[in-house]
PDB file of N, CA and C in Angstrom:
ATOM      1  N   UNK A   1      18.845   7.355   1.940  1.00  0.00           N
ATOM      2  CA  UNK A   1      18.599   8.527   1.974  1.00  0.00           C
ATOM      3  C   UNK A   1      17.822   8.781   2.929  1.00  0.00           C
ATOM      4  N   UNK A   2      18.222   9.934   3.894  1.00  0.00           N
ATOM      5  CA  UNK A   2      17.616  10.051   5.140  1.00  0.00           C
ATOM      6  C   UNK A   2      16.071  10.500   4.829  1.00  0.00           C
ATOM      7  N   UNK A   3      15.372   9.887   6.035  1.00  0.00           N
ATOM      8  CA  UNK A   3      13.584  10.361   5.767  1.00  0.00           C
ATOM      9  C   UNK A   3      13.294  11.424   5.395  1.00  0.00           C
ATOM     10  N   UNK A   4      14.088  12.586   6.100  1.00  0.00           N
ATOM     11  CA  UNK A   4      13.624  14.005   5.837  1.00  0.00           C
ATOM     12  C   UNK A   4      13.802  14.113   4.624  1.00  0.00           C
ATOM     13  N   UNK A   5      15.061  13.612   3.605  1.00  0.00           N
ATOM     14  CA  UNK A   5      15.159  14.235   2.284  1.00  0.00           C
ATOM     15  C   UNK A   5      14.289  13.956   1.659  1.00  0.00           C
ATOM     16  N   UNK A   6      13.608  12.408   2.045  1.00  0.00           N
ATOM     17  CA  UNK A   6      12.951  11.809   1.020  1.00  0.00           C
ATOM     18  C   UNK A   6      11.076  12.485   1.069  1.00  0.00           C
ATOM     19  N   UNK A   7      10.845  12.730   2.342  1.00  0.00           N
ATOM     20  CA  UNK A   7       9.797  13.578   2.706  1.00  0.00           C
ATOM     21  C   UNK A   7       9.649  15.004   1.997  1.00  0.00           C
ATOM     22  N   UNK A   8      10.980  15.789   2.482  1.00  0.00           N
ATOM     23  CA  UNK A   8      11.215  16.937   1.452  1.00  0.00           C
ATOM     24  C   UNK A   8      10.850  16.953  -0.187  1.00  0.00           C
ATOM     25  N   UNK A   9      11.095  15.894  -0.621  1.00  0.00           N
ATOM     26  CA  UNK A   9      11.039  15.837  -2.166  1.00  0.00           C
ATOM     27  C   UNK A   9       9.620  16.225  -2.340  1.00  0.00           C
ATOM     28  N   UNK A  10       8.908  15.399  -1.659  1.00  0.00           N
ATOM     29  CA  UNK A  10       7.287  15.678  -1.859  1.00  0.00           C
ATOM     30  C   UNK A  10       6.419  16.591  -1.376  1.00  0.00           C
ATOM     31  N   UNK A  11       7.409  18.067  -0.981  1.00  0.00           N
ATOM     32  CA  UNK A  11       6.853  18.856  -0.674  1.00  0.00           C
ATOM     33  C   UNK A  11       5.697  19.681  -1.403  1.00  0.00           C
ATOM     34  N   UNK A  12       5.871  19.532  -2.663  1.00  0.00           N
ATOM     35  CA  UNK A  12       4.998  20.046  -3.951  1.00  0.00           C
ATOM     36  C   UNK A  12       3.991  19.656  -3.917  1.00  0.00           C
ATOM     37  N   UNK A  13       3.827  18.164  -3.346  1.00  0.00           N
ATOM     38  CA  UNK A  13       2.179  18.045  -3.700  1.00  0.00           C
ATOM     39  C   UNK A  13       1.224  18.153  -2.550  1.00  0.00           C
ATOM     40  N   UNK A  14       0.023  18.291  -3.229  1.00  0.00           N
ATOM     41  CA  UNK A  14      -1.247  18.628  -2.692  1.00  0.00           C
ATOM     42  C   UNK A  14      -1.759  17.496  -2.008  1.00  0.00           C
ATOM     43  N   UNK A  15      -2.577  17.599  -1.118  1.00  0.00           N
ATOM     44  CA  UNK A  15      -3.080  16.675  -0.228  1.00  0.00           C
ATOM     45  C   UNK A  15      -4.192  15.823  -0.980  1.00  0.00           C
ATOM     46  N   UNK A  16      -4.563  16.341  -2.066  1.00  0.00           N
ATOM     47  CA  UNK A  16      -5.344  15.907  -2.971  1.00  0.00           C
ATOM     48  C   UNK A  16      -4.961  14.693  -4.158  1.00  0.00           C
ATOM     49  N   UNK A  17      -3.429  15.208  -4.106  1.00  0.00           N
ATOM     50  CA  UNK A  17      -2.522  14.476  -4.958  1.00  0.00           C
ATOM     51  C   UNK A  17      -2.036  13.190  -4.179  1.00  0.00           C
ATOM     52  N   UNK A  18      -2.375  12.696  -3.054  1.00  0.00           N
ATOM     53  CA  UNK A  18      -2.156  11.659  -2.508  1.00  0.00           C
ATOM     54  C   UNK A  18      -3.319  10.954  -2.353  1.00  0.00           C
ATOM     55  N   UNK A  19      -2.893   9.226  -2.403  1.00  0.00           N
ATOM     56  CA  UNK A  19      -4.028   8.171  -2.170  1.00  0.00           C
ATOM     57  C   UNK A  19      -3.203   7.094  -1.030  1.00  0.00           C
ATOM     58  N   UNK A  20      -4.290   6.930  -0.693  1.00  0.00           N
ATOM     59  CA  UNK A  20      -3.856   6.170   0.338  1.00  0.00           C
ATOM     60  C   UNK A  20      -4.228   4.550   0.153  1.00  0.00           C
ATOM     61  N   UNK A  21      -3.958   3.437  -0.004  1.00  0.00           N
ATOM     62  CA  UNK A  21      -3.929   2.318  -0.284  1.00  0.00           C
ATOM     63  C   UNK A  21      -3.849   1.249   1.105  1.00  0.00           C
ATOM     64  N   UNK A  22      -4.864   0.517   1.245  1.00  0.00           N
ATOM     65  CA  UNK A  22      -4.707  -0.518   2.263  1.00  0.00           C
ATOM     66  C   UNK A  22      -4.250  -1.559   1.727  1.00  0.00           C
ATOM     67  N   UNK A  23      -3.098  -1.870   2.573  1.00  0.00           N
ATOM     68  CA  UNK A  23      -2.783  -3.487   2.070  1.00  0.00           C
ATOM     69  C   UNK A  23      -3.530  -4.601   2.437  1.00  0.00           C
ATOM     70  N   UNK A  24      -3.730  -5.562   1.886  1.00  0.00           N
ATOM     71  CA  UNK A  24      -4.667  -6.704   2.687  1.00  0.00           C
ATOM     72  C   UNK A  24      -5.912  -6.587   2.595  1.00  0.00           C
ATOM     73  N   UNK A  25      -6.369  -5.247   1.592  1.00  0.00           N
ATOM     74  CA  UNK A  25      -7.695  -5.009   1.795  1.00  0.00           C
ATOM     75  C   UNK A  25      -8.001  -4.249   2.901  1.00  0.00           C
ATOM     76  N   UNK A  26      -7.044  -3.766   3.697  1.00  0.00           N
ATOM     77  CA  UNK A  26      -7.371  -3.570   5.344  1.00  0.00           C
ATOM     78  C   UNK A  26      -7.801  -4.651   6.348  1.00  0.00           C
ATOM     79  N   UNK A  27      -7.286  -5.818   5.890  1.00  0.00           N
ATOM     80  CA  UNK A  27      -7.730  -7.067   6.770  1.00  0.00           C
ATOM     81  C   UNK A  27      -6.271  -7.181   7.312  1.00  0.00           C
ATOM     82  N   UNK A  28      -6.301  -7.639   8.309  1.00  0.00           N
ATOM     83  CA  UNK A  28      -5.120  -8.221   9.263  1.00  0.00           C
ATOM     84  C   UNK A  28      -4.878  -9.775   8.306  1.00  0.00           C
ATOM     85  N   UNK A  29      -3.464 -10.386   8.467  1.00  0.00           N
ATOM     86  CA  UNK A  29      -3.252 -11.395   7.764  1.00  0.00           C
ATOM     87  C   UNK A  29      -2.086 -12.158   8.430  1.00  0.00           C
ATOM     88  N   UNK A  30      -2.657 -12.850   9.693  1.00  0.00           N
ATOM     89  CA  UNK A  30      -1.663 -12.894  10.614  1.00  0.00           C
ATOM     90  C   UNK A  30      -1.416 -14.831  10.244  1.00  0.00           C
ATOM     91  N   UNK A  31       0.436 -15.189  10.931  1.00  0.00           N
ATOM     92  CA  UNK A  31       0.381 -16.279  10.664  1.00  0.00           C
ATOM     93  C   UNK A  31       1.761 -16.676  11.581  1.00  0.00           C
ATOM     94  N   UNK A  32       1.429 -17.672  12.109  1.00  0.00           N
ATOM     95  CA  UNK A  32       2.679 -18.200  13.348  1.00  0.00           C
ATOM     96  C   UNK A  32       3.869 -18.913  12.327  1.00  0.00           C
ATOM     97  N   UNK A  33       5.003 -18.580  12.713  1.00  0.00           N
ATOM     98  CA  UNK A  33       6.133 -19.082  12.084  1.00  0.00           C
ATOM     99  C   UNK A  33       6.882 -19.235  13.000  1.00  0.00           C
ATOM    100  N   UNK A  34       7.609 -20.445  13.437  1.00  0.00           N
ATOM    101  CA  UNK A  34       8.326 -20.918  14.200  1.00  0.00           C
ATOM    102  C   UNK A  34       7.923 -20.447  15.830  1.00  0.00           C
ATOM    103  N   UNK A  35       6.814 -20.404  15.805  1.00  0.00           N
ATOM    104  CA  UNK A  35       6.372 -20.040  17.563  1.00  0.00           C
ATOM    105  C   UNK A  35       6.258 -18.114  17.309  1.00  0.00           C
ATOM    106  N   UNK A  36       6.508 -17.560  16.484  1.00  0.00           N
ATOM    107  CA  UNK A  36       6.245 -16.179  16.459  1.00  0.00           C
ATOM    108  C   UNK A  36       5.547 -15.926  15.688  1.00  0.00           C
ATOM    109  N   UNK A  37       4.826 -14.576  16.182  1.00  0.00           N
ATOM    110  CA  UNK A  37       3.318 -14.351  15.065  1.00  0.00           C
ATOM    111  C   UNK A  37       3.869 -12.898  14.348  1.00  0.00           C
ATOM    112  N   UNK A  38       3.126 -13.306  13.044  1.00  0.00           N
ATOM    113  CA  UNK A  38       3.752 -12.330  11.740  1.00  0.00           C
ATOM    114  C   UNK A  38       2.727 -11.799  10.999  1.00  0.00           C
ATOM    115  N   UNK A  39       2.370 -10.493  10.587  1.00  0.00           N
ATOM    116  CA  UNK A  39       1.561 -10.064   9.731  1.00  0.00           C
ATOM    117  C   UNK A  39       2.000 -10.418   8.380  1.00  0.00           C
ATOM    118  N   UNK A  40       1.325 -11.278   7.720  1.00  0.00           N
ATOM    119  CA  UNK A  40       1.755 -11.353   6.167  1.00  0.00           C
ATOM    120  C   UNK A  40       0.833 -10.548   5.032  1.00  0.00           C
ATOM    121  N   UNK A  41       1.338 -10.826   4.385  1.00  0.00           N
ATOM    122  CA  UNK A  41       0.604 -10.089   2.807  1.00  0.00           C
ATOM    123  C   UNK A  41      -0.057 -11.077   1.961  1.00  0.00           C
ATOM    124  N   UNK A  42      -1.343 -10.995   1.676  1.00  0.00           N
ATOM    125  CA  UNK A  42      -1.915 -11.960   1.153  1.00  0.00           C
ATOM    126  C   UNK A  42      -1.680 -11.860  -0.551  1.00  0.00           C
ATOM    127  N   UNK A  43      -2.472 -12.533  -1.336  1.00  0.00           N
ATOM    128  CA  UNK A  43      -2.012 -12.853  -2.708  1.00  0.00           C
ATOM    129  C   UNK A  43      -2.193 -11.388  -3.446  1.00  0.00           C
ATOM    130  N   UNK A  44      -3.374 -10.763  -3.034  1.00  0.00           N
ATOM    131  CA  UNK A  44      -3.622  -9.464  -3.759  1.00  0.00           C
ATOM    132  C   UNK A  44      -2.811  -8.111  -3.655  1.00  0.00           C
ATOM    133  N   UNK A  45      -2.064  -8.420  -2.126  1.00  0.00           N
ATOM    134  CA  UNK A  45      -1.240  -7.210  -1.768  1.00  0.00           C
ATOM    135  C   UNK A  45       0.312  -7.670  -2.735  1.00  0.00           C
ATOM    136  N   UNK A  46       0.449  -8.838  -2.513  1.00  0.00           N
ATOM    137  CA  UNK A  46       1.338  -9.049  -3.721  1.00  0.00           C
ATOM    138  C   UNK A  46       1.442  -8.597  -5.251  1.00  0.00           C
ATOM    139  N   UNK A  47       0.188  -8.834  -5.657  1.00  0.00           N
ATOM    140  CA  UNK A  47      -0.294  -7.975  -7.018  1.00  0.00           C
ATOM    141  C   UNK A  47      -0.284  -6.761  -6.971  1.00  0.00           C
ATOM    142  N   UNK A  48      -0.320  -6.208  -5.914  1.00  0.00           N
ATOM    143  CA  UNK A  48      -0.560  -4.751  -5.793  1.00  0.00           C
ATOM    144  C   UNK A  48       1.141  -4.344  -5.661  1.00  0.00           C
ATOM    145  N   UNK A  49       1.917  -5.011  -5.192  1.00  0.00           N
ATOM    146  CA  UNK A  49       3.735  -4.720  -5.234  1.00  0.00           C
ATOM    147  C   UNK A  49       3.998  -5.279  -6.872  1.00  0.00           C
ATOM    148  N   UNK A  50       3.417  -5.769  -7.225  1.00  0.00           N
ATOM    149  CA  UNK A  50       3.788  -6.020  -8.906  1.00  0.00           C
ATOM    150  C   UNK A  50       3.100  -4.895  -9.340  1.00  0.00           C
ATOM    151  N   UNK A  51       2.257  -4.385  -9.142  1.00  0.00           N
ATOM    152  CA  UNK A  51       1.789  -3.253 -10.207  1.00  0.00           C
ATOM    153  C   UNK A  51       2.366  -2.181  -9.626  1.00  0.00           C
ATOM    154  N   UNK A  52       2.951  -1.896  -8.693  1.00  0.00           N
ATOM    155  CA  UNK A  52       3.587  -0.613  -8.122  1.00  0.00           C
ATOM    156  C   UNK A  52       4.874  -0.897  -9.461  1.00  0.00           C
ATOM    157  N   UNK A  53       5.930  -2.416  -8.793  1.00  0.00           N
ATOM    158  CA  UNK A  53       6.993  -1.882  -9.997  1.00  0.00           C
ATOM    159  C   UNK A  53       6.755  -2.039 -11.345  1.00  0.00           C
ATOM    160  N   UNK A  54       5.255  -2.375 -12.031  1.00  0.00           N
ATOM    161  CA  UNK A  54       5.235  -2.155 -13.325  1.00  0.00           C
ATOM    162  C   UNK A  54       4.222  -1.079 -13.641  1.00  0.00           C
ATOM    163  N   UNK A  55       4.410   0.017 -12.545  1.00  0.00           N
ATOM    164  CA  UNK A  55       3.418   1.383 -12.822  1.00  0.00           C
ATOM    165  C   UNK A  55       2.116   0.945 -13.384  1.00  0.00           C
ATOM    166  N   UNK A  56       1.494  -0.097 -12.683  1.00  0.00           N
ATOM    167  CA  UNK A  56       0.269  -0.093 -13.078  1.00  0.00           C
ATOM    168  C   UNK A  56      -0.758  -0.090 -11.910  1.00  0.00           C
ATOM    169  N   UNK A  57      -0.230   0.477 -11.035  1.00  0.00           N
ATOM    170  CA  UNK A  57      -1.366   0.682  -9.835  1.00  0.00           C
ATOM    171  C   UNK A  57      -2.915   1.298  -9.798  1.00  0.00           C
ATOM    172  N   UNK A  58      -3.006   2.197 -10.837  1.00  0.00           N
ATOM    173  CA  UNK A  58      -4.472   2.583 -11.346  1.00  0.00           C
ATOM    174  C   UNK A  58      -5.139   1.451 -11.922  1.00  0.00           C
ATOM    175  N   UNK A  59      -4.407   0.523 -12.708  1.00  0.00           N
ATOM    176  CA  UNK A  59      -5.203  -0.742 -12.771  1.00  0.00           C
ATOM    177  C   UNK A  59      -5.765  -1.520 -11.968  1.00  0.00           C
ATOM    178  N   UNK A  60      -4.466  -1.790 -11.091  1.00  0.00           N
ATOM    179  CA  UNK A  60      -4.684  -2.631  -9.666  1.00  0.00           C
ATOM    180  C   UNK A  60      -5.957  -2.075  -8.962  1.00  0.00           C
ATOM    181  N   UNK A  61      -6.042  -0.713  -8.892  1.00  0.00           N
ATOM    182  CA  UNK A  61      -7.183  -0.043  -7.962  1.00  0.00           C
ATOM    183  C   UNK A  61      -8.500   0.019  -8.521  1.00  0.00           C
ATOM    184  N   UNK A  62      -8.327   0.141  -9.937  1.00  0.00           N
ATOM    185  CA  UNK A  62      -9.646   0.140 -10.780  1.00  0.00           C
ATOM    186  C   UNK A  62     -10.452  -1.653 -10.582  1.00  0.00           C
ATOM    187  N   UNK A  63      -9.613  -2.660 -10.274  1.00  0.00           N
ATOM    188  CA  UNK A  63      -9.866  -3.738 -10.114  1.00  0.00           C
ATOM    189  C   UNK A  63     -10.320  -4.005  -8.376  1.00  0.00           C
ATOM    190  N   UNK A  64      -9.925  -3.157  -7.686  1.00  0.00           N
ATOM    191  CA  UNK A  64      -9.662  -3.258  -6.204  1.00  0.00           C
ATOM    192  C   UNK A  64     -10.190  -1.640  -5.230  1.00  0.00           C
ATOM    193  N   UNK A  65     -11.296  -1.424  -5.934  1.00  0.00           N
ATOM    194  CA  UNK A  65     -11.753   0.181  -5.356  1.00  0.00           C
ATOM    195  C   UNK A  65     -11.613   0.189  -3.635  1.00  0.00           C
ATOM    196  N   UNK A  66     -12.201  -0.832  -3.095  1.00  0.00           N
ATOM    197  CA  UNK A  66     -12.318  -1.145  -1.955  1.00  0.00           C
ATOM    198  C   UNK A  66     -11.257  -1.158  -0.821  1.00  0.00           C
ATOM    199  N   UNK A  67     -10.113  -1.014  -1.993  1.00  0.00           N
ATOM    200  CA  UNK A  67      -8.893  -0.903  -1.144  1.00  0.00           C
ATOM    201  C   UNK A  67      -8.056   0.740  -0.892  1.00  0.00           C
ATOM    202  N   UNK A  68      -8.919   1.564  -1.592  1.00  0.00           N
ATOM    203  CA  UNK A  68      -8.340   3.076  -1.446  1.00  0.00           C
ATOM    204  C   UNK A  68      -8.805   3.003  -0.098  1.00  0.00           C
ATOM    205  N   UNK A  69      -8.254   3.921   0.774  1.00  0.00           N
ATOM    206  CA  UNK A  69      -8.465   4.286   2.047  1.00  0.00           C
ATOM    207  C   UNK A  69      -9.175   5.514   2.013  1.00  0.00           C
ATOM    208  N   UNK A  70     -10.397   5.467   2.661  1.00  0.00           N
ATOM    209  CA  UNK A  70     -11.048   6.891   2.865  1.00  0.00           C
ATOM    210  C   UNK A  70     -10.500   7.596   3.947  1.00  0.00           C
ATOM    211  N   UNK A  71     -10.347   8.922   3.919  1.00  0.00           N
ATOM    212  CA  UNK A  71     -10.074   9.860   4.715  1.00  0.00           C
ATOM    213  C   UNK A  71     -11.144  10.514   5.375  1.00  0.00           C
ATOM    214  N   UNK A  72     -10.968  10.719   6.679  1.00  0.00           N
ATOM    215  CA  UNK A  72     -12.412  11.151   7.499  1.00  0.00           C
ATOM    216  C   UNK A  72     -12.138  12.675   7.510  1.00  0.00           C
TER     217      UNK A  72
END
């Protein structure tokens, strides 16, 4: 699906309906693998992805409220 179609499907959302979540709690997690720098996901970020899969993001954020990005 083209990105434009995907974005268009969310046109009905109000800005207050969107919550930004920081992966890795907003921290960088760098790792060198075979001489190449990568940003990796920490254990909690993997748990966040599991929560997305299981439709339990609210539960995850209840335990990690500092992962909710504050908009300025």
